[in-house]
Each structure stands twice: as C-alpha cells, then as structure tokens.
C-alpha cells in the first residue's frame, strides 16, 4: 500500500485522521473507506461506508 501513510495517533480525543496520496492514473475514480466496529471489514460491503471520494484527507 504505497499510497497510504500510517502513523500513531492519540485516540483519547476520539479522533482518527486518515491521509493518503491518490494513485497517479487516469482511470482512478475514488477512495472508499469502510468502518466496522470491533474488527476490520472483510470487504467493502461489510460495515458502514464513512467516505467515498477523491479528496485525500478525511477526519
């Protein structure tokens, strides 16, 4: 995952910040972020979609 920057965040204030670089290809359409409580989603169809778009910073 060369386009994803992962770092440590203090979760005491209940805020998670994701930052990424969109791939430089013409056919790129969007990023989809899916959230599932208690475990990681097994697919993009599991859990709640919390973001879909091209903008590479989301709180």
PDB file of N, CA and C in Angstrom:
ATOM      1  N   UNK A   1       0.845  -1.183   0.000  1.00  0.00           N
ATOM      2  CA  UNK A   1       0.000   0.000   0.000  1.00  0.00           C
ATOM      3  C   UNK A   1       0.879   1.232   0.000  1.00  0.00           C
ATOM      4  N   UNK A   2       1.449   1.547  -1.109  1.00  0.00           N
ATOM      5  CA  UNK A   2       2.371   2.665  -1.189  1.00  0.00           C
ATOM      6  C   UNK A   2       1.679   4.020  -1.113  1.00  0.00           C
ATOM      7  N   UNK A   3       0.369   4.055  -1.228  1.00  0.00           N
ATOM      8  CA  UNK A   3      -0.351   5.328  -1.222  1.00  0.00           C
ATOM      9  C   UNK A   3      -0.919   5.688   0.137  1.00  0.00           C
ATOM     10  N   UNK A   4      -0.716   4.829   1.134  1.00  0.00           N
ATOM     11  CA  UNK A   4      -1.296   5.051   2.453  1.00  0.00           C
ATOM     12  C   UNK A   4      -0.205   5.402   3.447  1.00  0.00           C
ATOM     13  N   UNK A   5      -0.393   6.486   4.161  1.00  0.00           N
ATOM     14  CA  UNK A   5       0.545   6.904   5.208  1.00  0.00           C
ATOM     15  C   UNK A   5      -0.064   6.532   6.548  1.00  0.00           C
ATOM     16  N   UNK A   6       0.618   5.682   7.287  1.00  0.00           N
ATOM     17  CA  UNK A   6       0.098   5.226   8.571  1.00  0.00           C
ATOM     18  C   UNK A   6       1.001   5.746   9.678  1.00  0.00           C
ATOM     19  N   UNK A   7       0.417   6.282  10.709  1.00  0.00           N
ATOM     20  CA  UNK A   7       1.190   6.785  11.833  1.00  0.00           C
ATOM     21  C   UNK A   7       0.428   6.586  13.130  1.00  0.00           C
ATOM     22  N   UNK A   8       1.053   6.939  14.225  1.00  0.00           N
ATOM     23  CA  UNK A   8       0.426   6.821  15.542  1.00  0.00           C
ATOM     24  C   UNK A   8      -0.410   8.060  15.809  1.00  0.00           C
ATOM     25  N   UNK A   9      -1.602   7.852  16.316  1.00  0.00           N
ATOM     26  CA  UNK A   9      -2.471   8.959  16.687  1.00  0.00           C
ATOM     27  C   UNK A   9      -2.976   8.729  18.099  1.00  0.00           C
ATOM     28  N   UNK A  10      -3.064   9.772  18.884  1.00  0.00           N
ATOM     29  CA  UNK A  10      -3.603   9.685  20.239  1.00  0.00           C
ATOM     30  C   UNK A  10      -5.119   9.640  20.131  1.00  0.00           C
ATOM     31  N   UNK A  11      -5.713   8.517  20.499  1.00  0.00           N
ATOM     32  CA  UNK A  11      -7.156   8.346  20.351  1.00  0.00           C
ATOM     33  C   UNK A  11      -7.951   8.777  21.578  1.00  0.00           C
ATOM     34  N   UNK A  12      -7.298   9.434  22.528  1.00  0.00           N
ATOM     35  CA  UNK A  12      -8.007   9.864  23.732  1.00  0.00           C
ATOM     36  C   UNK A  12      -9.109  10.865  23.409  1.00  0.00           C
ATOM     37  N   UNK A  13      -8.935  11.647  22.343  1.00  0.00           N
ATOM     38  CA  UNK A  13      -9.987  12.612  21.999  1.00  0.00           C
ATOM     39  C   UNK A  13     -10.955  12.036  20.951  1.00  0.00           C
ATOM     40  N   UNK A  14     -10.857  10.725  20.679  1.00  0.00           N
ATOM     41  CA  UNK A  14     -11.767  10.009  19.784  1.00  0.00           C
ATOM     42  C   UNK A  14     -11.728  10.504  18.341  1.00  0.00           C
ATOM     43  N   UNK A  15     -10.592  11.006  17.892  1.00  0.00           N
ATOM     44  CA  UNK A  15     -10.445  11.473  16.519  1.00  0.00           C
ATOM     45  C   UNK A  15      -9.407  10.635  15.804  1.00  0.00           C
ATOM     46  N   UNK A  16      -9.748  10.179  14.620  1.00  0.00           N
ATOM     47  CA  UNK A  16      -8.819   9.439  13.783  1.00  0.00           C
ATOM     48  C   UNK A  16      -8.686  10.213  12.476  1.00  0.00           C
ATOM     49  N   UNK A  17      -7.464  10.428  12.039  1.00  0.00           N
ATOM     50  CA  UNK A  17      -7.214  11.154  10.799  1.00  0.00           C
ATOM     51  C   UNK A  17      -6.549  10.212   9.818  1.00  0.00           C
ATOM     52  N   UNK A  18      -7.091  10.114   8.620  1.00  0.00           N
ATOM     53  CA  UNK A  18      -6.504   9.314   7.558  1.00  0.00           C
ATOM     54  C   UNK A  18      -5.954  10.248   6.489  1.00  0.00           C
ATOM     55  N   UNK A  19      -4.783   9.908   5.978  1.00  0.00           N
ATOM     56  CA  UNK A  19      -4.166  10.726   4.933  1.00  0.00           C
ATOM     57  C   UNK A  19      -3.608   9.782   3.882  1.00  0.00           C
ATOM     58  N   UNK A  20      -3.850  10.078   2.619  1.00  0.00           N
ATOM     59  CA  UNK A  20      -3.348   9.220   1.554  1.00  0.00           C
ATOM     60  C   UNK A  20      -3.020  10.051   0.325  1.00  0.00           C
ATOM     61  N   UNK A  21      -2.312   9.422  -0.591  1.00  0.00           N
ATOM     62  CA  UNK A  21      -1.994  10.023  -1.887  1.00  0.00           C
ATOM     63  C   UNK A  21      -2.718   9.212  -2.944  1.00  0.00           C
ATOM     64  N   UNK A  22      -3.539   9.872  -3.733  1.00  0.00           N
ATOM     65  CA  UNK A  22      -4.251   9.162  -4.783  1.00  0.00           C
ATOM     66  C   UNK A  22      -3.266   8.658  -5.831  1.00  0.00           C
ATOM     67  N   UNK A  23      -3.502   7.470  -6.400  1.00  0.00           N
ATOM     68  CA  UNK A  23      -2.600   6.958  -7.434  1.00  0.00           C
ATOM     69  C   UNK A  23      -2.653   7.844  -8.686  1.00  0.00           C
ATOM     70  N   UNK A  24      -1.525   8.061  -9.328  1.00  0.00           N
ATOM     71  CA  UNK A  24      -1.467   8.955 -10.490  1.00  0.00           C
ATOM     72  C   UNK A  24      -1.867   8.252 -11.794  1.00  0.00           C
ATOM     73  N   UNK A  25      -3.069   7.703 -11.825  1.00  0.00           N
ATOM     74  CA  UNK A  25      -3.540   7.047 -13.045  1.00  0.00           C
ATOM     75  C   UNK A  25      -4.837   7.698 -13.502  1.00  0.00           C
ATOM     76  N   UNK A  26      -5.027   7.767 -14.811  1.00  0.00           N
ATOM     77  CA  UNK A  26      -6.185   8.464 -15.376  1.00  0.00           C
ATOM     78  C   UNK A  26      -7.510   7.794 -15.026  1.00  0.00           C
ATOM     79  N   UNK A  27      -7.511   6.497 -14.827  1.00  0.00           N
ATOM     80  CA  UNK A  27      -8.760   5.775 -14.573  1.00  0.00           C
ATOM     81  C   UNK A  27      -9.156   5.753 -13.101  1.00  0.00           C
ATOM     82  N   UNK A  28      -8.364   6.415 -12.228  1.00  0.00           N
ATOM     83  CA  UNK A  28      -8.694   6.459 -10.803  1.00  0.00           C
ATOM     84  C   UNK A  28     -10.021   7.177 -10.607  1.00  0.00           C
ATOM     85  N   UNK A  29     -10.937   6.537  -9.866  1.00  0.00           N
ATOM     86  CA  UNK A  29     -12.264   7.112  -9.653  1.00  0.00           C
ATOM     87  C   UNK A  29     -12.477   7.652  -8.246  1.00  0.00           C
ATOM     88  N   UNK A  30     -12.179   6.845  -7.212  1.00  0.00           N
ATOM     89  CA  UNK A  30     -12.443   7.290  -5.847  1.00  0.00           C
ATOM     90  C   UNK A  30     -11.802   6.344  -4.833  1.00  0.00           C
ATOM     91  N   UNK A  31     -11.750   6.822  -3.605  1.00  0.00           N
ATOM     92  CA  UNK A  31     -11.330   6.042  -2.441  1.00  0.00           C
ATOM     93  C   UNK A  31     -12.591   5.743  -1.650  1.00  0.00           C
ATOM     94  N   UNK A  32     -12.710   4.530  -1.166  1.00  0.00           N
ATOM     95  CA  UNK A  32     -13.837   4.167  -0.295  1.00  0.00           C
ATOM     96  C   UNK A  32     -13.273   3.723   1.038  1.00  0.00           C
ATOM     97  N   UNK A  33     -13.754   4.325   2.121  1.00  0.00           N
ATOM     98  CA  UNK A  33     -13.336   3.956   3.468  1.00  0.00           C
ATOM     99  C   UNK A  33     -14.545   3.340   4.165  1.00  0.00           C
ATOM    100  N   UNK A  34     -14.365   2.115   4.654  1.00  0.00           N
ATOM    101  CA  UNK A  34     -15.441   1.369   5.295  1.00  0.00           C
ATOM    102  C   UNK A  34     -15.046   1.105   6.740  1.00  0.00           C
ATOM    103  N   UNK A  35     -15.967   1.311   7.651  1.00  0.00           N
ATOM    104  CA  UNK A  35     -15.717   1.141   9.082  1.00  0.00           C
ATOM    105  C   UNK A  35     -16.625   0.041   9.633  1.00  0.00           C
ATOM    106  N   UNK A  36     -16.021  -0.831  10.455  1.00  0.00           N
ATOM    107  CA  UNK A  36     -16.777  -1.869  11.131  1.00  0.00           C
ATOM    108  C   UNK A  36     -16.266  -1.925  12.561  1.00  0.00           C
ATOM    109  N   UNK A  37     -17.153  -1.804  13.540  1.00  0.00           N
ATOM    110  CA  UNK A  37     -16.734  -1.819  14.945  1.00  0.00           C
ATOM    111  C   UNK A  37     -16.282  -3.210  15.360  1.00  0.00           C
ATOM    112  N   UNK A  38     -15.292  -3.256  16.244  1.00  0.00           N
ATOM    113  CA  UNK A  38     -14.766  -4.470  16.866  1.00  0.00           C
ATOM    114  C   UNK A  38     -13.847  -5.304  15.974  1.00  0.00           C
ATOM    115  N   UNK A  39     -13.842  -5.105  14.649  1.00  0.00           N
ATOM    116  CA  UNK A  39     -12.963  -5.861  13.760  1.00  0.00           C
ATOM    117  C   UNK A  39     -12.830  -5.133  12.431  1.00  0.00           C
ATOM    118  N   UNK A  40     -11.872  -5.561  11.638  1.00  0.00           N
ATOM    119  CA  UNK A  40     -11.686  -4.967  10.313  1.00  0.00           C
ATOM    120  C   UNK A  40     -12.690  -5.568   9.343  1.00  0.00           C
ATOM    121  N   UNK A  41     -13.240  -4.754   8.450  1.00  0.00           N
ATOM    122  CA  UNK A  41     -14.164  -5.301   7.457  1.00  0.00           C
ATOM    123  C   UNK A  41     -13.439  -6.307   6.563  1.00  0.00           C
ATOM    124  N   UNK A  42     -14.139  -7.359   6.170  1.00  0.00           N
ATOM    125  CA  UNK A  42     -13.572  -8.345   5.262  1.00  0.00           C
ATOM    126  C   UNK A  42     -13.675  -7.928   3.811  1.00  0.00           C
ATOM    127  N   UNK A  43     -14.569  -6.979   3.532  1.00  0.00           N
ATOM    128  CA  UNK A  43     -14.738  -6.464   2.174  1.00  0.00           C
ATOM    129  C   UNK A  43     -15.366  -5.078   2.265  1.00  0.00           C
ATOM    130  N   UNK A  44     -15.462  -4.385   1.137  1.00  0.00           N
ATOM    131  CA  UNK A  44     -16.068  -3.052   1.155  1.00  0.00           C
ATOM    132  C   UNK A  44     -17.576  -3.106   1.350  1.00  0.00           C
ATOM    133  N   UNK A  45     -18.146  -4.310   1.291  1.00  0.00           N
ATOM    134  CA  UNK A  45     -19.576  -4.461   1.507  1.00  0.00           C
ATOM    135  C   UNK A  45     -19.933  -4.723   2.968  1.00  0.00           C
ATOM    136  N   UNK A  46     -18.924  -4.937   3.824  1.00  0.00           N
ATOM    137  CA  UNK A  46     -19.146  -5.134   5.258  1.00  0.00           C
ATOM    138  C   UNK A  46     -18.954  -3.813   5.982  1.00  0.00           C
ATOM    139  N   UNK A  47     -19.809  -3.488   6.904  1.00  0.00           N
ATOM    140  CA  UNK A  47     -19.647  -2.280   7.691  1.00  0.00           C
ATOM    141  C   UNK A  47     -20.275  -1.063   7.054  1.00  0.00           C
ATOM    142  N   UNK A  48     -19.928   0.082   7.576  1.00  0.00           N
ATOM    143  CA  UNK A  48     -20.503   1.365   7.162  1.00  0.00           C
ATOM    144  C   UNK A  48     -19.487   2.139   6.318  1.00  0.00           C
ATOM    145  N   UNK A  49     -19.904   2.580   5.150  1.00  0.00           N
ATOM    146  CA  UNK A  49     -19.038   3.424   4.328  1.00  0.00           C
ATOM    147  C   UNK A  49     -19.025   4.817   4.950  1.00  0.00           C
ATOM    148  N   UNK A  50     -17.853   5.282   5.358  1.00  0.00           N
ATOM    149  CA  UNK A  50     -17.752   6.588   6.005  1.00  0.00           C
ATOM    150  C   UNK A  50     -17.166   7.643   5.081  1.00  0.00           C
ATOM    151  N   UNK A  51     -16.637   7.221   3.931  1.00  0.00           N
ATOM    152  CA  UNK A  51     -16.117   8.186   2.965  1.00  0.00           C
ATOM    153  C   UNK A  51     -16.032   7.538   1.596  1.00  0.00           C
ATOM    154  N   UNK A  52     -16.372   8.304   0.569  1.00  0.00           N
ATOM    155  CA  UNK A  52     -16.169   7.905  -0.817  1.00  0.00           C
ATOM    156  C   UNK A  52     -15.893   9.184  -1.589  1.00  0.00           C
ATOM    157  N   UNK A  53     -14.740   9.282  -2.207  1.00  0.00           N
ATOM    158  CA  UNK A  53     -14.387  10.470  -2.972  1.00  0.00           C
ATOM    159  C   UNK A  53     -12.915  10.476  -3.359  1.00  0.00           C
ATOM    160  N   UNK A  54     -12.486  11.590  -3.918  1.00  0.00           N
ATOM    161  CA  UNK A  54     -11.097  11.732  -4.359  1.00  0.00           C
ATOM    162  C   UNK A  54     -10.231  12.560  -3.433  1.00  0.00           C
ATOM    163  N   UNK A  55     -10.842  13.340  -2.547  1.00  0.00           N
ATOM    164  CA  UNK A  55     -10.060  14.239  -1.710  1.00  0.00           C
ATOM    165  C   UNK A  55      -9.223  13.423  -0.731  1.00  0.00           C
ATOM    166  N   UNK A  56      -7.880  13.580  -0.707  1.00  0.00           N
ATOM    167  CA  UNK A  56      -7.031  12.681   0.060  1.00  0.00           C
ATOM    168  C   UNK A  56      -6.812  12.986   1.547  1.00  0.00           C
ATOM    169  N   UNK A  57      -7.685  13.720   2.189  1.00  0.00           N
ATOM    170  CA  UNK A  57      -7.589  13.912   3.635  1.00  0.00           C
ATOM    171  C   UNK A  57      -9.001  13.905   4.188  1.00  0.00           C
ATOM    172  N   UNK A  58      -9.236  13.067   5.190  1.00  0.00           N
ATOM    173  CA  UNK A  58     -10.580  12.967   5.765  1.00  0.00           C
ATOM    174  C   UNK A  58     -10.439  12.771   7.264  1.00  0.00           C
ATOM    175  N   UNK A  59     -11.270  13.462   8.036  1.00  0.00           N
ATOM    176  CA  UNK A  59     -11.274  13.302   9.502  1.00  0.00           C
ATOM    177  C   UNK A  59     -12.536  12.601   9.919  1.00  0.00           C
TER     178      UNK A  59
END
